[in-house]
C-alpha atoms as a PDB file:
ATOM      1  CA  MET A   1     -14.326  -1.243  18.019  1.00  0.00           C
ATOM      2  CA  GLN A   2     -16.380  -2.332  20.957  1.00  0.00           C
ATOM      3  CA  PRO A   3     -14.849  -3.748  23.897  1.00  0.00           C
ATOM      4  CA  GLU A   4     -13.544  -7.255  24.231  1.00  0.00           C
ATOM      5  CA  LYS A   5     -13.578  -7.676  20.401  1.00  0.00           C
ATOM      6  CA  LYS A   6     -10.992  -8.565  18.047  1.00  0.00           C
ATOM      7  CA  MET A   7     -10.273  -9.258  14.733  1.00  0.00           C
ATOM      8  CA  LYS A   8      -8.373 -11.836  13.391  1.00  0.00           C
ATOM      9  CA  LEU A   9      -6.776 -12.537  10.115  1.00  0.00           C
ATOM     10  CA  THR A  10      -3.946 -15.049   8.862  1.00  0.00           C
ATOM     11  CA  PHE A  11      -2.089 -15.414   5.843  1.00  0.00           C
ATOM     12  CA  ASN A  12       0.139 -17.832   4.333  1.00  0.00           C
ATOM     13  CA  ILE A  13       3.809 -17.069   2.667  1.00  0.00           C
ATOM     14  CA  GLN A  14       5.430 -19.037   0.464  1.00  0.00           C
ATOM     15  CA  GLY A  15       9.756 -18.657   0.146  1.00  0.00           C
ATOM     16  CA  GLY A  16      11.194 -17.596  -2.551  1.00  0.00           C
ATOM     17  CA  ASP A  17       8.550 -15.944  -4.179  1.00  0.00           C
ATOM     18  CA  LEU A  18       8.729 -12.201  -3.983  1.00  0.00           C
ATOM     19  CA  THR A  19       5.998 -11.386  -5.676  1.00  0.00           C
ATOM     20  CA  GLN A  20       3.549 -12.395  -2.320  1.00  0.00           C
ATOM     21  CA  ALA A  21       5.181 -10.360  -0.469  1.00  0.00           C
ATOM     22  CA  GLY A  22       3.098  -6.988   0.349  1.00  0.00           C
ATOM     23  CA  HIS A  23      -0.051  -9.245   0.252  1.00  0.00           C
ATOM     24  CA  PRO A  24      -0.917  -9.383   4.111  1.00  0.00           C
ATOM     25  CA  SER A  25       0.501  -5.766   4.845  1.00  0.00           C
ATOM     26  CA  SER A  26      -1.640  -4.414   2.058  1.00  0.00           C
ATOM     27  CA  GLU A  27      -5.154  -6.357   3.480  1.00  0.00           C
ATOM     28  CA  VAL A  28      -4.315  -5.367   6.998  1.00  0.00           C
ATOM     29  CA  LYS A  29      -3.311  -1.314   5.772  1.00  0.00           C
ATOM     30  CA  LYS A  30      -7.273  -1.934   4.516  1.00  0.00           C
ATOM     31  CA  VAL A  31      -9.122  -2.630   7.603  1.00  0.00           C
ATOM     32  CA  LEU A  32      -6.821  -0.426   9.796  1.00  0.00           C
ATOM     33  CA  LYS A  33      -7.595   2.635   7.290  1.00  0.00           C
ATOM     34  CA  GLN A  34     -11.543   1.596   7.994  1.00  0.00           C
ATOM     35  CA  LEU A  35     -11.051   1.573  11.012  1.00  0.00           C
ATOM     36  CA  GLY A  36      -9.970   5.144  11.010  1.00  0.00           C
ATOM     37  CA  ILE A  37      -6.701   4.300  12.632  1.00  0.00           C
ATOM     38  CA  ASP A  38      -4.044   7.522  12.370  1.00  0.00           C
ATOM     39  CA  GLY A  39      -2.520   7.283   9.397  1.00  0.00           C
ATOM     40  CA  LYS A  40       1.074   7.566  10.942  1.00  0.00           C
ATOM     41  CA  MET A  41       0.287   4.417  12.677  1.00  0.00           C
ATOM     42  CA  VAL A  42      -0.864   2.644  10.037  1.00  0.00           C
ATOM     43  CA  LYS A  43       2.550   3.358   8.148  1.00  0.00           C
ATOM     44  CA  ASN A  44       4.682   2.293  10.845  1.00  0.00           C
ATOM     45  CA  ILE A  45       2.767  -0.709  11.017  1.00  0.00           C
ATOM     46  CA  VAL A  46       2.701  -1.290   7.403  1.00  0.00           C
ATOM     47  CA  ILE A  47       6.486  -1.110   7.284  1.00  0.00           C
ATOM     48  CA  ALA A  48       7.498  -3.464   9.887  1.00  0.00           C
ATOM     49  CA  LEU A  49       4.628  -6.060   8.671  1.00  0.00           C
ATOM     50  CA  TYR A  50       6.521  -5.671   4.891  1.00  0.00           C
ATOM     51  CA  GLU A  51       9.983  -5.882   5.995  1.00  0.00           C
ATOM     52  CA  ALA A  52       8.926  -8.932   8.204  1.00  0.00           C
ATOM     53  CA  GLU A  53       7.141 -11.044   5.032  1.00  0.00           C
ATOM     54  CA  VAL A  54       9.946  -9.698   2.889  1.00  0.00           C
ATOM     55  CA  ASN A  55      12.216 -11.640   5.155  1.00  0.00           C
ATOM     56  CA  VAL A  56      10.246 -14.534   5.070  1.00  0.00           C
ATOM     57  CA  VAL A  57       9.946 -14.791   1.301  1.00  0.00           C
ATOM     58  CA  ALA A  58      13.731 -14.008   1.176  1.00  0.00           C
ATOM     59  CA  HIS A  59      15.235 -16.374   3.734  1.00  0.00           C
ATOM     60  CA  ALA A  60      12.582 -19.558   4.672  1.00  0.00           C
ATOM     61  CA  TRP A  61      10.280 -22.170   3.039  1.00  0.00           C
ATOM     62  CA  LYS A  62       7.285 -21.088   4.292  1.00  0.00           C
ATOM     63  CA  GLY A  63       5.560 -18.810   6.808  1.00  0.00           C
ATOM     64  CA  THR A  64       2.219 -17.407   8.321  1.00  0.00           C
ATOM     65  CA  VAL A  65       0.901 -13.963   8.989  1.00  0.00           C
ATOM     66  CA  SER A  66      -1.544 -13.580  11.735  1.00  0.00           C
ATOM     67  CA  VAL A  67      -2.980 -10.554  12.663  1.00  0.00           C
ATOM     68  CA  GLU A  68      -5.022  -9.507  15.914  1.00  0.00           C
ATOM     69  CA  ILE A  69      -6.426  -6.314  16.232  1.00  0.00           C
ATOM     70  CA  ASP A  70      -8.525  -4.313  19.183  1.00  0.00           C
ATOM     71  CA  GLU A  71      -9.582  -1.807  20.574  1.00  0.00           C
ATOM     72  CA  ASN A  72      -5.893  -0.655  21.884  1.00  0.00           C
ATOM     73  CA  LYS A  73      -3.551  -2.956  19.780  1.00  0.00           C
ATOM     74  CA  ILE A  74      -2.487  -4.646  17.096  1.00  0.00           C
ATOM     75  CA  THR A  75      -0.030  -7.680  17.396  1.00  0.00           C
ATOM     76  CA  MET A  76       1.155  -9.365  14.450  1.00  0.00           C
ATOM     77  CA  LEU A  77       3.181 -12.652  14.752  1.00  0.00           C
ATOM     78  CA  VAL A  78       4.946 -14.096  11.799  1.00  0.00           C
ATOM     79  CA  SER A  79       6.364 -17.613  11.881  1.00  0.00           C
ATOM     80  CA  ASP A  80       8.841 -19.359   9.219  1.00  0.00           C
ATOM     81  CA  GLU A  81      10.123 -22.217   8.826  1.00  0.00           C
ATOM     82  CA  GLY A  82      13.654 -21.821   7.424  1.00  0.00           C
ATOM     83  CA  PRO A  83      16.901 -21.639   8.392  1.00  0.00           C
ATOM     84  CA  GLY A  84      16.768 -19.158  12.122  1.00  0.00           C
ATOM     85  CA  ILE A  85      18.978 -16.449  12.952  1.00  0.00           C
ATOM     86  CA  PRO A  86      22.257 -17.672  14.136  1.00  0.00           C
ATOM     87  CA  ASP A  87      22.997 -14.206  15.759  1.00  0.00           C
ATOM     88  CA  VAL A  88      20.040 -11.986  16.512  1.00  0.00           C
ATOM     89  CA  GLU A  89      21.957  -9.331  17.319  1.00  0.00           C
ATOM     90  CA  LEU A  90      24.067  -9.473  14.613  1.00  0.00           C
ATOM     91  CA  ALA A  91      21.123  -9.383  12.226  1.00  0.00           C
ATOM     92  CA  MET A  92      19.722  -6.349  14.315  1.00  0.00           C
ATOM     93  CA  GLN A  93      22.502  -4.275  12.642  1.00  0.00           C
ATOM     94  CA  PRO A  94      21.581  -2.339   9.708  1.00  0.00           C
ATOM     95  CA  GLY A  95      22.829  -2.829   6.696  1.00  0.00           C
ATOM     96  CA  PHE A  96      23.491  -6.883   8.132  1.00  0.00           C
ATOM     97  CA  SER A  97      22.745  -9.341   5.568  1.00  0.00           C
ATOM     98  CA  THR A  98      22.529 -13.366   4.799  1.00  0.00           C
ATOM     99  CA  ALA A  99      19.999 -12.540   1.288  1.00  0.00           C
ATOM    100  CA  SER A 100      20.706 -14.230  -1.396  1.00  0.00           C
ATOM    101  CA  LYS A 101      22.628 -12.644  -4.635  1.00  0.00           C
ATOM    102  CA  ILE A 102      19.189 -13.422  -6.580  1.00  0.00           C
ATOM    103  CA  VAL A 103      17.460 -11.602  -3.707  1.00  0.00           C
ATOM    104  CA  ARG A 104      19.778  -8.484  -3.398  1.00  0.00           C
ATOM    105  CA  GLN A 105      19.428  -8.254  -7.408  1.00  0.00           C
ATOM    106  CA  MET A 106      15.973  -7.689  -6.807  1.00  0.00           C
ATOM    107  CA  GLY A 107      16.286  -5.020  -4.847  1.00  0.00           C
ATOM    108  CA  PHE A 108      15.821  -6.706  -1.581  1.00  0.00           C
ATOM    109  CA  GLY A 109      18.447  -8.120   0.872  1.00  0.00           C
ATOM    110  CA  ALA A 110      19.550  -4.726   2.144  1.00  0.00           C
ATOM    111  CA  GLY A 111      19.858  -5.683   5.848  1.00  0.00           C
ATOM    112  CA  MET A 112      17.393  -3.076   7.169  1.00  0.00           C
ATOM    113  CA  GLY A 113      14.539  -5.617   7.953  1.00  0.00           C
ATOM    114  CA  LEU A 114      15.026  -5.744  11.399  1.00  0.00           C
ATOM    115  CA  PRO A 115      15.954  -2.757  11.903  1.00  0.00           C
ATOM    116  CA  ASN A 116      13.003  -1.260  10.308  1.00  0.00           C
ATOM    117  CA  ILE A 117      10.630  -3.488  12.056  1.00  0.00           C
ATOM    118  CA  LYS A 118      12.292  -2.717  15.555  1.00  0.00           C
ATOM    119  CA  LYS A 119      11.805   1.439  14.824  1.00  0.00           C
ATOM    120  CA  ASN A 120       8.158   1.064  13.687  1.00  0.00           C
ATOM    121  CA  THR A 121       6.510  -1.441  16.202  1.00  0.00           C
ATOM    122  CA  ASN A 122       6.142  -0.522  20.052  1.00  0.00           C
ATOM    123  CA  GLU A 123       7.304  -3.924  21.082  1.00  0.00           C
ATOM    124  CA  LEU A 124       9.455  -6.594  19.143  1.00  0.00           C
ATOM    125  CA  LEU A 125       9.806  -9.811  20.335  1.00  0.00           C
ATOM    126  CA  ILE A 126      11.876 -12.647  18.310  1.00  0.00           C
ATOM    127  CA  GLU A 127      12.251 -15.913  19.047  1.00  0.00           C
ATOM    128  CA  THR A 128      14.543 -18.102  16.738  1.00  0.00           C
ATOM    129  CA  GLN A 129      16.155 -21.432  16.399  1.00  0.00           C
ATOM    130  CA  VAL A 130      19.101 -22.591  13.894  1.00  0.00           C
ATOM    131  CA  GLY A 131      17.742 -24.859  11.135  1.00  0.00           C
ATOM    132  CA  LYS A 132      14.217 -24.797  12.273  1.00  0.00           C
ATOM    133  CA  GLY A 133      12.686 -21.124  11.910  1.00  0.00           C
ATOM    134  CA  THR A 134      11.938 -17.742  13.145  1.00  0.00           C
ATOM    135  CA  LYS A 135       8.967 -15.964  14.943  1.00  0.00           C
ATOM    136  CA  LEU A 136       8.670 -12.268  14.928  1.00  0.00           C
ATOM    137  CA  ILE A 137       5.917 -10.641  17.586  1.00  0.00           C
ATOM    138  CA  MET A 138       5.406  -7.374  16.531  1.00  0.00           C
ATOM    139  CA  THR A 139       2.773  -4.930  18.411  1.00  0.00           C
ATOM    140  CA  ASN A 140       1.926  -1.523  18.260  1.00  0.00           C
ATOM    141  CA  TYR A 141      -0.057   0.447  20.689  1.00  0.00           C
ATOM    142  CA  PHE A 142      -3.280   2.982  19.032  1.00  0.00           C
ATOM    143  CA  THR A 143      -3.193   5.203  22.117  1.00  0.00           C
END
């Protein structure tokens, strides 16, 4: 990619529609492969983004995914309108989940979303407000 050249992708996510989870991460995966990004790096990015998408679908009313790719990094902003996270420290603990019974019955909601996002990104920033929503800013560096 040329210096100072940035690629931007944006997706909408509808809360409650688990069939939608995975579309943004699949599209980002295609783009990263076309750009020749290392396979392990692509895998980490896709895992983190997919987990964030599932969180929006499982917990929020709606959300957006905004991805910016430049020659050095990918920054993924996933923001939602939802209940927010009352205790981020608790939510970061593996296995902690507030997912509904229906979400769990569909095979989601095991409480590994935020821990997996942190594990698969170089930087993770969580901004949340109870009753309003949550914003995740995830960054992975290519170099």
